[in-house]
PDB file of N, CA and C in Angstrom:
ATOM      1  N   MET A   1     105.135 153.103  39.664  1.00  0.00           N
ATOM      2  CA  MET A   1     106.476 152.680  39.997  1.00  0.00           C
ATOM      3  C   MET A   1     106.451 151.955  41.339  1.00  0.00           C
ATOM      4  N   HIS A   2     107.165 150.849  41.430  1.00  0.00           N
ATOM      5  CA  HIS A   2     107.196 150.035  42.644  1.00  0.00           C
ATOM      6  C   HIS A   2     108.365 150.457  43.524  1.00  0.00           C
ATOM      7  N   PRO A   3     108.121 150.572  44.838  1.00  0.00           N
ATOM      8  CA  PRO A   3     109.227 150.917  45.745  1.00  0.00           C
ATOM      9  C   PRO A   3     110.249 149.782  45.793  1.00  0.00           C
ATOM     10  N   VAL A   4     111.495 150.161  45.918  1.00  0.00           N
ATOM     11  CA  VAL A   4     112.581 149.192  45.995  1.00  0.00           C
ATOM     12  C   VAL A   4     113.019 149.085  47.445  1.00  0.00           C
ATOM     13  N   SER A   5     113.079 147.884  47.944  1.00  0.00           N
ATOM     14  CA  SER A   5     113.475 147.661  49.321  1.00  0.00           C
ATOM     15  C   SER A   5     114.942 147.251  49.362  1.00  0.00           C
ATOM     16  N   SER A   6     115.662 147.760  50.345  1.00  0.00           N
ATOM     17  CA  SER A   6     117.066 147.392  50.481  1.00  0.00           C
ATOM     18  C   SER A   6     117.234 146.106  51.287  1.00  0.00           C
ATOM     19  N   LYS A   7     116.159 145.653  51.933  1.00  0.00           N
ATOM     20  CA  LYS A   7     116.224 144.416  52.701  1.00  0.00           C
ATOM     21  C   LYS A   7     116.068 143.221  51.771  1.00  0.00           C
ATOM     22  N   PRO A   8     116.893 142.184  51.964  1.00  0.00           N
ATOM     23  CA  PRO A   8     116.673 140.971  51.167  1.00  0.00           C
ATOM     24  C   PRO A   8     115.413 140.271  51.649  1.00  0.00           C
ATOM     25  N   SER A   9     114.714 139.663  50.739  1.00  0.00           N
ATOM     26  CA  SER A   9     113.497 138.959  51.132  1.00  0.00           C
ATOM     27  C   SER A   9     113.869 137.683  51.892  1.00  0.00           C
ATOM     28  N   VAL A  10     112.946 137.233  52.702  1.00  0.00           N
ATOM     29  CA  VAL A  10     113.177 136.031  53.500  1.00  0.00           C
ATOM     30  C   VAL A  10     113.369 134.826  52.590  1.00  0.00           C
ATOM     31  N   GLU A  11     112.607 134.782  51.484  1.00  0.00           N
ATOM     32  CA  GLU A  11     112.700 133.641  50.589  1.00  0.00           C
ATOM     33  C   GLU A  11     114.061 133.542  49.920  1.00  0.00           C
ATOM     34  N   SER A  12     114.687 134.649  49.651  1.00  0.00           N
ATOM     35  CA  SER A  12     115.960 134.596  48.945  1.00  0.00           C
ATOM     36  C   SER A  12     117.126 134.256  49.872  1.00  0.00           C
ATOM     37  N   THR A  13     116.934 134.382  51.178  1.00  0.00           N
ATOM     38  CA  THR A  13     118.032 134.115  52.099  1.00  0.00           C
ATOM     39  C   THR A  13     117.993 132.711  52.698  1.00  0.00           C
ATOM     40  N   THR A  14     116.877 132.013  52.535  1.00  0.00           N
ATOM     41  CA  THR A  14     116.781 130.666  53.083  1.00  0.00           C
ATOM     42  C   THR A  14     116.572 129.683  51.951  1.00  0.00           C
ATOM     43  N   THR A  15     117.028 128.469  52.177  1.00  0.00           N
ATOM     44  CA  THR A  15     116.759 127.441  51.186  1.00  0.00           C
ATOM     45  C   THR A  15     115.379 126.887  51.485  1.00  0.00           C
ATOM     46  N   GLU A  16     114.488 127.039  50.552  1.00  0.00           N
ATOM     47  CA  GLU A  16     113.095 126.672  50.772  1.00  0.00           C
ATOM     48  C   GLU A  16     112.814 125.300  50.180  1.00  0.00           C
ATOM     49  N   GLN A  17     112.080 124.494  50.932  1.00  0.00           N
ATOM     50  CA  GLN A  17     111.658 123.191  50.440  1.00  0.00           C
ATOM     51  C   GLN A  17     110.561 123.395  49.403  1.00  0.00           C
ATOM     52  N   PRO A  18     110.473 122.474  48.452  1.00  0.00           N
ATOM     53  CA  PRO A  18     109.319 122.562  47.544  1.00  0.00           C
ATOM     54  C   PRO A  18     108.048 122.299  48.328  1.00  0.00           C
ATOM     55  N   ARG A  19     106.961 122.861  47.866  1.00  0.00           N
ATOM     56  CA  ARG A  19     105.684 122.639  48.541  1.00  0.00           C
ATOM     57  C   ARG A  19     105.358 121.158  48.550  1.00  0.00           C
ATOM     58  N   PHE A  20     104.852 120.680  49.671  1.00  0.00           N
ATOM     59  CA  PHE A  20     104.574 119.257  49.852  1.00  0.00           C
ATOM     60  C   PHE A  20     103.632 118.727  48.777  1.00  0.00           C
ATOM     61  N   TRP A  21     102.538 119.428  48.534  1.00  0.00           N
ATOM     62  CA  TRP A  21     101.538 118.926  47.601  1.00  0.00           C
ATOM     63  C   TRP A  21     101.987 119.034  46.158  1.00  0.00           C
ATOM     64  N   SER A  22     102.945 119.880  45.845  1.00  0.00           N
ATOM     65  CA  SER A  22     103.417 119.985  44.460  1.00  0.00           C
ATOM     66  C   SER A  22     104.228 118.757  44.051  1.00  0.00           C
ATOM     67  N   MET A  23     104.679 117.976  45.004  1.00  0.00           N
ATOM     68  CA  MET A  23     105.460 116.770  44.711  1.00  0.00           C
ATOM     69  C   MET A  23     104.588 115.531  44.567  1.00  0.00           C
ATOM     70  N   LYS A  24     103.300 115.671  44.798  1.00  0.00           N
ATOM     71  CA  LYS A  24     102.396 114.522  44.802  1.00  0.00           C
ATOM     72  C   LYS A  24     101.613 114.440  43.488  1.00  0.00           C
ATOM     73  N   PRO A  25     101.302 113.203  43.042  1.00  0.00           N
ATOM     74  CA  PRO A  25     100.477 113.043  41.839  1.00  0.00           C
ATOM     75  C   PRO A  25      99.033 113.482  42.102  1.00  0.00           C
ATOM     76  N   TRP A  26      98.246 113.554  41.048  1.00  0.00           N
ATOM     77  CA  TRP A  26      96.865 114.052  41.169  1.00  0.00           C
ATOM     78  C   TRP A  26      96.035 113.212  42.134  1.00  0.00           C
ATOM     79  N   TRP A  27      96.277 111.905  42.180  1.00  0.00           N
ATOM     80  CA  TRP A  27      95.461 111.047  43.037  1.00  0.00           C
ATOM     81  C   TRP A  27      95.850 111.142  44.504  1.00  0.00           C
ATOM     82  N   CYS A  28      96.879 111.926  44.814  1.00  0.00           N
ATOM     83  CA  CYS A  28      97.311 112.110  46.198  1.00  0.00           C
ATOM     84  C   CYS A  28      97.215 113.579  46.613  1.00  0.00           C
ATOM     85  N   GLN A  29      96.368 114.332  45.947  1.00  0.00           N
ATOM     86  CA  GLN A  29      96.142 115.736  46.280  1.00  0.00           C
ATOM     87  C   GLN A  29      95.023 115.821  47.317  1.00  0.00           C
ATOM     88  N   PRO A  30      94.966 116.914  48.084  1.00  0.00           N
ATOM     89  CA  PRO A  30      93.927 117.018  49.124  1.00  0.00           C
ATOM     90  C   PRO A  30      92.507 116.841  48.586  1.00  0.00           C
ATOM     91  N   TRP A  31      92.215 117.414  47.433  1.00  0.00           N
ATOM     92  CA  TRP A  31      90.858 117.302  46.898  1.00  0.00           C
ATOM     93  C   TRP A  31      90.500 115.860  46.582  1.00  0.00           C
ATOM     94  N   SER A  32      91.453 115.070  46.076  1.00  0.00           N
ATOM     95  CA  SER A  32      91.134 113.681  45.748  1.00  0.00           C
ATOM     96  C   SER A  32      91.020 112.825  47.010  1.00  0.00           C
ATOM     97  N   ILE A  33      91.821 113.136  48.017  1.00  0.00           N
ATOM     98  CA  ILE A  33      91.730 112.417  49.294  1.00  0.00           C
ATOM     99  C   ILE A  33      90.377 112.689  49.956  1.00  0.00           C
ATOM    100  N   LEU A  34      89.967 113.959  49.968  1.00  0.00           N
ATOM    101  CA  LEU A  34      88.673 114.315  50.560  1.00  0.00           C
ATOM    102  C   LEU A  34      87.510 113.702  49.785  1.00  0.00           C
ATOM    103  N   LEU A  35      87.536 113.817  48.449  1.00  0.00           N
ATOM    104  CA  LEU A  35      86.434 113.269  47.652  1.00  0.00           C
ATOM    105  C   LEU A  35      86.330 111.756  47.775  1.00  0.00           C
ATOM    106  N   THR A  36      87.469 111.076  47.820  1.00  0.00           N
ATOM    107  CA  THR A  36      87.447 109.617  47.967  1.00  0.00           C
ATOM    108  C   THR A  36      86.859 109.225  49.317  1.00  0.00           C
ATOM    109  N   GLY A  37      87.257 109.913  50.371  1.00  0.00           N
ATOM    110  CA  GLY A  37      86.715 109.613  51.699  1.00  0.00           C
ATOM    111  C   GLY A  37      85.223 109.865  51.780  1.00  0.00           C
ATOM    112  N   ILE A  38      84.782 110.982  51.203  1.00  0.00           N
ATOM    113  CA  ILE A  38      83.350 111.285  51.192  1.00  0.00           C
ATOM    114  C   ILE A  38      82.593 110.238  50.382  1.00  0.00           C
ATOM    115  N   ALA A  39      83.153 109.840  49.244  1.00  0.00           N
ATOM    116  CA  ALA A  39      82.498 108.824  48.408  1.00  0.00           C
ATOM    117  C   ALA A  39      82.405 107.477  49.126  1.00  0.00           C
ATOM    118  N   VAL A  40      83.458 107.093  49.831  1.00  0.00           N
ATOM    119  CA  VAL A  40      83.448 105.811  50.549  1.00  0.00           C
ATOM    120  C   VAL A  40      82.381 105.813  51.639  1.00  0.00           C
ATOM    121  N   VAL A  41      82.343 106.871  52.437  1.00  0.00           N
ATOM    122  CA  VAL A  41      81.370 106.932  53.531  1.00  0.00           C
ATOM    123  C   VAL A  41      79.952 107.059  52.974  1.00  0.00           C
ATOM    124  N   SER A  42      79.768 107.899  51.971  1.00  0.00           N
ATOM    125  CA  SER A  42      78.437 108.058  51.370  1.00  0.00           C
ATOM    126  C   SER A  42      77.966 106.752  50.735  1.00  0.00           C
ATOM    127  N   GLY A  43      78.860 106.103  49.999  1.00  0.00           N
ATOM    128  CA  GLY A  43      78.499 104.843  49.363  1.00  0.00           C
ATOM    129  C   GLY A  43      78.188 103.750  50.365  1.00  0.00           C
ATOM    130  N   SER A  44      78.917 103.749  51.482  1.00  0.00           N
ATOM    131  CA  SER A  44      78.670 102.717  52.488  1.00  0.00           C
ATOM    132  C   SER A  44      77.331 102.938  53.193  1.00  0.00           C
ATOM    133  N   TRP A  45      76.829 104.143  53.175  1.00  0.00           N
ATOM    134  CA  TRP A  45      75.505 104.374  53.751  1.00  0.00           C
ATOM    135  C   TRP A  45      74.416 104.221  52.691  1.00  0.00           C
ATOM    136  N   TRP A  46      74.674 104.715  51.505  1.00  0.00           N
ATOM    137  CA  TRP A  46      73.654 104.689  50.448  1.00  0.00           C
ATOM    138  C   TRP A  46      73.288 103.265  50.038  1.00  0.00           C
ATOM    139  N   TRP A  47      74.293 102.413  49.875  1.00  0.00           N
ATOM    140  CA  TRP A  47      74.016 101.069  49.361  1.00  0.00           C
ATOM    141  C   TRP A  47      73.470 100.141  50.453  1.00  0.00           C
ATOM    142  N   PRO A  48      74.242  99.776  51.496  1.00  0.00           N
ATOM    143  CA  PRO A  48      73.658  98.827  52.468  1.00  0.00           C
ATOM    144  C   PRO A  48      72.810  99.488  53.553  1.00  0.00           C
ATOM    145  N   GLN A  49      73.010 100.768  53.801  1.00  0.00           N
ATOM    146  CA  GLN A  49      72.303 101.509  54.859  1.00  0.00           C
ATOM    147  C   GLN A  49      72.386 100.798  56.211  1.00  0.00           C
ATOM    148  N   ARG A  50      73.629 100.472  56.558  1.00  0.00           N
ATOM    149  CA  ARG A  50      73.882  99.820  57.843  1.00  0.00           C
ATOM    150  C   ARG A  50      74.913 100.655  58.601  1.00  0.00           C
ATOM    151  N   ILE A  51      74.531 101.098  59.788  1.00  0.00           N
ATOM    152  CA  ILE A  51      75.432 101.942  60.578  1.00  0.00           C
ATOM    153  C   ILE A  51      76.676 101.177  60.990  1.00  0.00           C
ATOM    154  N   TRP A  52      76.562  99.869  61.190  1.00  0.00           N
ATOM    155  CA  TRP A  52      77.718  99.073  61.612  1.00  0.00           C
ATOM    156  C   TRP A  52      78.744  98.923  60.493  1.00  0.00           C
ATOM    157  N   ILE A  53      78.370  99.234  59.269  1.00  0.00           N
ATOM    158  CA  ILE A  53      79.328  99.282  58.161  1.00  0.00           C
ATOM    159  C   ILE A  53      79.861 100.702  57.989  1.00  0.00           C
ATOM    160  N   THR A  54      78.959 101.665  58.028  1.00  0.00           N
ATOM    161  CA  THR A  54      79.330 103.059  57.776  1.00  0.00           C
ATOM    162  C   THR A  54      80.187 103.649  58.885  1.00  0.00           C
ATOM    163  N   LEU A  55      79.879 103.368  60.128  1.00  0.00           N
ATOM    164  CA  LEU A  55      80.620 103.955  61.243  1.00  0.00           C
ATOM    165  C   LEU A  55      82.102 103.563  61.257  1.00  0.00           C
ATOM    166  N   PRO A  56      82.451 102.274  61.146  1.00  0.00           N
ATOM    167  CA  PRO A  56      83.882 101.941  61.099  1.00  0.00           C
ATOM    168  C   PRO A  56      84.588 102.518  59.878  1.00  0.00           C
ATOM    169  N   LEU A  57      83.890 102.518  58.729  1.00  0.00           N
ATOM    170  CA  LEU A  57      84.489 103.120  57.541  1.00  0.00           C
ATOM    171  C   LEU A  57      84.699 104.622  57.732  1.00  0.00           C
ATOM    172  N   GLY A  58      83.724 105.275  58.350  1.00  0.00           N
ATOM    173  CA  GLY A  58      83.860 106.708  58.627  1.00  0.00           C
ATOM    174  C   GLY A  58      85.022 107.007  59.563  1.00  0.00           C
ATOM    175  N   LEU A  59      85.184 106.188  60.588  1.00  0.00           N
ATOM    176  CA  LEU A  59      86.312 106.364  61.506  1.00  0.00           C
ATOM    177  C   LEU A  59      87.648 106.119  60.800  1.00  0.00           C
ATOM    178  N   ALA A  60      87.685 105.117  59.923  1.00  0.00           N
ATOM    179  CA  ALA A  60      88.907 104.849  59.161  1.00  0.00           C
ATOM    180  C   ALA A  60      89.230 106.012  58.219  1.00  0.00           C
ATOM    181  N   VAL A  61      88.210 106.585  57.612  1.00  0.00           N
ATOM    182  CA  VAL A  61      88.419 107.728  56.711  1.00  0.00           C
ATOM    183  C   VAL A  61      88.935 108.934  57.492  1.00  0.00           C
ATOM    184  N   VAL A  62      88.382 109.195  58.655  1.00  0.00           N
ATOM    185  CA  VAL A  62      88.859 110.317  59.479  1.00  0.00           C
ATOM    186  C   VAL A  62      90.315 110.090  59.893  1.00  0.00           C
ATOM    187  N   ALA A  63      90.658 108.861  60.246  1.00  0.00           N
ATOM    188  CA  ALA A  63      92.057 108.553  60.587  1.00  0.00           C
ATOM    189  C   ALA A  63      92.952 108.752  59.367  1.00  0.00           C
ATOM    190  N   TRP A  64      92.502 108.325  58.208  1.00  0.00           N
ATOM    191  CA  TRP A  64      93.238 108.482  56.953  1.00  0.00           C
ATOM    192  C   TRP A  64      93.434 109.959  56.628  1.00  0.00           C
ATOM    193  N   TRP A  65      92.362 110.749  56.755  1.00  0.00           N
ATOM    194  CA  TRP A  65      92.471 112.191  56.525  1.00  0.00           C
ATOM    195  C   TRP A  65      93.449 112.829  57.499  1.00  0.00           C
ATOM    196  N   THR A  66      93.350 112.456  58.774  1.00  0.00           N
ATOM    197  CA  THR A  66      94.248 113.032  59.781  1.00  0.00           C
ATOM    198  C   THR A  66      95.700 112.723  59.444  1.00  0.00           C
ATOM    199  N   LEU A  67      95.958 111.494  59.065  1.00  0.00           N
ATOM    200  CA  LEU A  67      97.321 111.108  58.734  1.00  0.00           C
ATOM    201  C   LEU A  67      97.835 111.858  57.501  1.00  0.00           C
ATOM    202  N   PHE A  68      97.097 111.776  56.408  1.00  0.00           N
ATOM    203  CA  PHE A  68      97.610 112.285  55.141  1.00  0.00           C
ATOM    204  C   PHE A  68      97.345 113.765  54.886  1.00  0.00           C
ATOM    205  N   LEU A  69      96.393 114.380  55.567  1.00  0.00           N
ATOM    206  CA  LEU A  69      96.107 115.798  55.346  1.00  0.00           C
ATOM    207  C   LEU A  69      96.639 116.698  56.456  1.00  0.00           C
ATOM    208  N   VAL A  70      96.964 116.104  57.619  1.00  0.00           N
ATOM    209  CA  VAL A  70      97.428 116.921  58.746  1.00  0.00           C
ATOM    210  C   VAL A  70      98.840 116.521  59.184  1.00  0.00           C
ATOM    211  N   LEU A  71      99.011 115.275  59.582  1.00  0.00           N
ATOM    212  CA  LEU A  71     100.269 114.861  60.212  1.00  0.00           C
ATOM    213  C   LEU A  71     101.450 114.803  59.242  1.00  0.00           C
ATOM    214  N   VAL A  72     101.271 114.173  58.088  1.00  0.00           N
ATOM    215  CA  VAL A  72     102.387 114.052  57.140  1.00  0.00           C
ATOM    216  C   VAL A  72     102.826 115.418  56.603  1.00  0.00           C
ATOM    217  N   PRO A  73     101.897 116.300  56.169  1.00  0.00           N
ATOM    218  CA  PRO A  73     102.360 117.630  55.730  1.00  0.00           C
ATOM    219  C   PRO A  73     103.048 118.431  56.849  1.00  0.00           C
ATOM    220  N   ALA A  74     102.568 118.278  58.080  1.00  0.00           N
ATOM    221  CA  ALA A  74     103.210 118.986  59.202  1.00  0.00           C
ATOM    222  C   ALA A  74     104.613 118.441  59.440  1.00  0.00           C
ATOM    223  N   ALA A  75     104.766 117.121  59.358  1.00  0.00           N
ATOM    224  CA  ALA A  75     106.099 116.532  59.528  1.00  0.00           C
ATOM    225  C   ALA A  75     107.028 116.984  58.410  1.00  0.00           C
ATOM    226  N   TYR A  76     106.520 117.109  57.201  1.00  0.00           N
ATOM    227  CA  TYR A  76     107.328 117.583  56.074  1.00  0.00           C
ATOM    228  C   TYR A  76     107.782 119.025  56.302  1.00  0.00           C
ATOM    229  N   ARG A  77     106.849 119.874  56.750  1.00  0.00           N
ATOM    230  CA  ARG A  77     107.185 121.283  57.008  1.00  0.00           C
ATOM    231  C   ARG A  77     108.273 121.415  58.060  1.00  0.00           C
ATOM    232  N   HIS A  78     108.238 120.543  59.060  1.00  0.00           N
ATOM    233  CA  HIS A  78     109.210 120.616  60.153  1.00  0.00           C
ATOM    234  C   HIS A  78     110.461 119.794  59.883  1.00  0.00           C
ATOM    235  N   GLY A  79     110.523 119.158  58.713  1.00  0.00           N
ATOM    236  CA  GLY A  79     111.715 118.410  58.333  1.00  0.00           C
ATOM    237  C   GLY A  79     111.850 117.079  59.039  1.00  0.00           C
ATOM    238  N   ASN A  80     110.753 116.495  59.480  1.00  0.00           N
ATOM    239  CA  ASN A  80     110.811 115.229  60.212  1.00  0.00           C
ATOM    240  C   ASN A  80     110.599 114.007  59.333  1.00  0.00           C
ATOM    241  N   LEU A  81     110.556 114.175  58.031  1.00  0.00           N
ATOM    242  CA  LEU A  81     110.396 113.033  57.128  1.00  0.00           C
ATOM    243  C   LEU A  81     111.729 112.654  56.541  1.00  0.00           C
ATOM    244  N   PRO A  82     111.985 111.364  56.365  1.00  0.00           N
ATOM    245  CA  PRO A  82     113.244 110.959  55.750  1.00  0.00           C
ATOM    246  C   PRO A  82     113.295 111.391  54.274  1.00  0.00           C
ATOM    247  N   GLU A  83     114.479 111.631  53.781  1.00  0.00           N
ATOM    248  CA  GLU A  83     114.655 112.039  52.399  1.00  0.00           C
ATOM    249  C   GLU A  83     114.377 110.873  51.465  1.00  0.00           C
ATOM    250  N   ALA A  84     113.752 111.162  50.346  1.00  0.00           N
ATOM    251  CA  ALA A  84     113.518 110.119  49.330  1.00  0.00           C
ATOM    252  C   ALA A  84     114.828 109.858  48.592  1.00  0.00           C
ATOM    253  N   GLU A  85     115.067 108.591  48.284  1.00  0.00           N
ATOM    254  CA  GLU A  85     116.313 108.239  47.608  1.00  0.00           C
ATOM    255  C   GLU A  85     116.140 108.195  46.140  1.00  0.00           C
TER     256      GLU A  85
END
């Protein structure tokens, strides 16, 4: 038998936003963003094997990951993103 609590749960008393990643298509999920970035950097080293190609691509991928895996979800959690129309 499960104990019954007289306190209302936090989830039932607040209006909760849908999870950020549940609103995104499969190609915009964290796993696909990470795999694409790894594939781009790996491919840029495997094929031409030039650091001057791989390094800028790697920096761009890290910036892309930071934006889409850290900053945008944090802004969504804090309500700093404009509403979709």
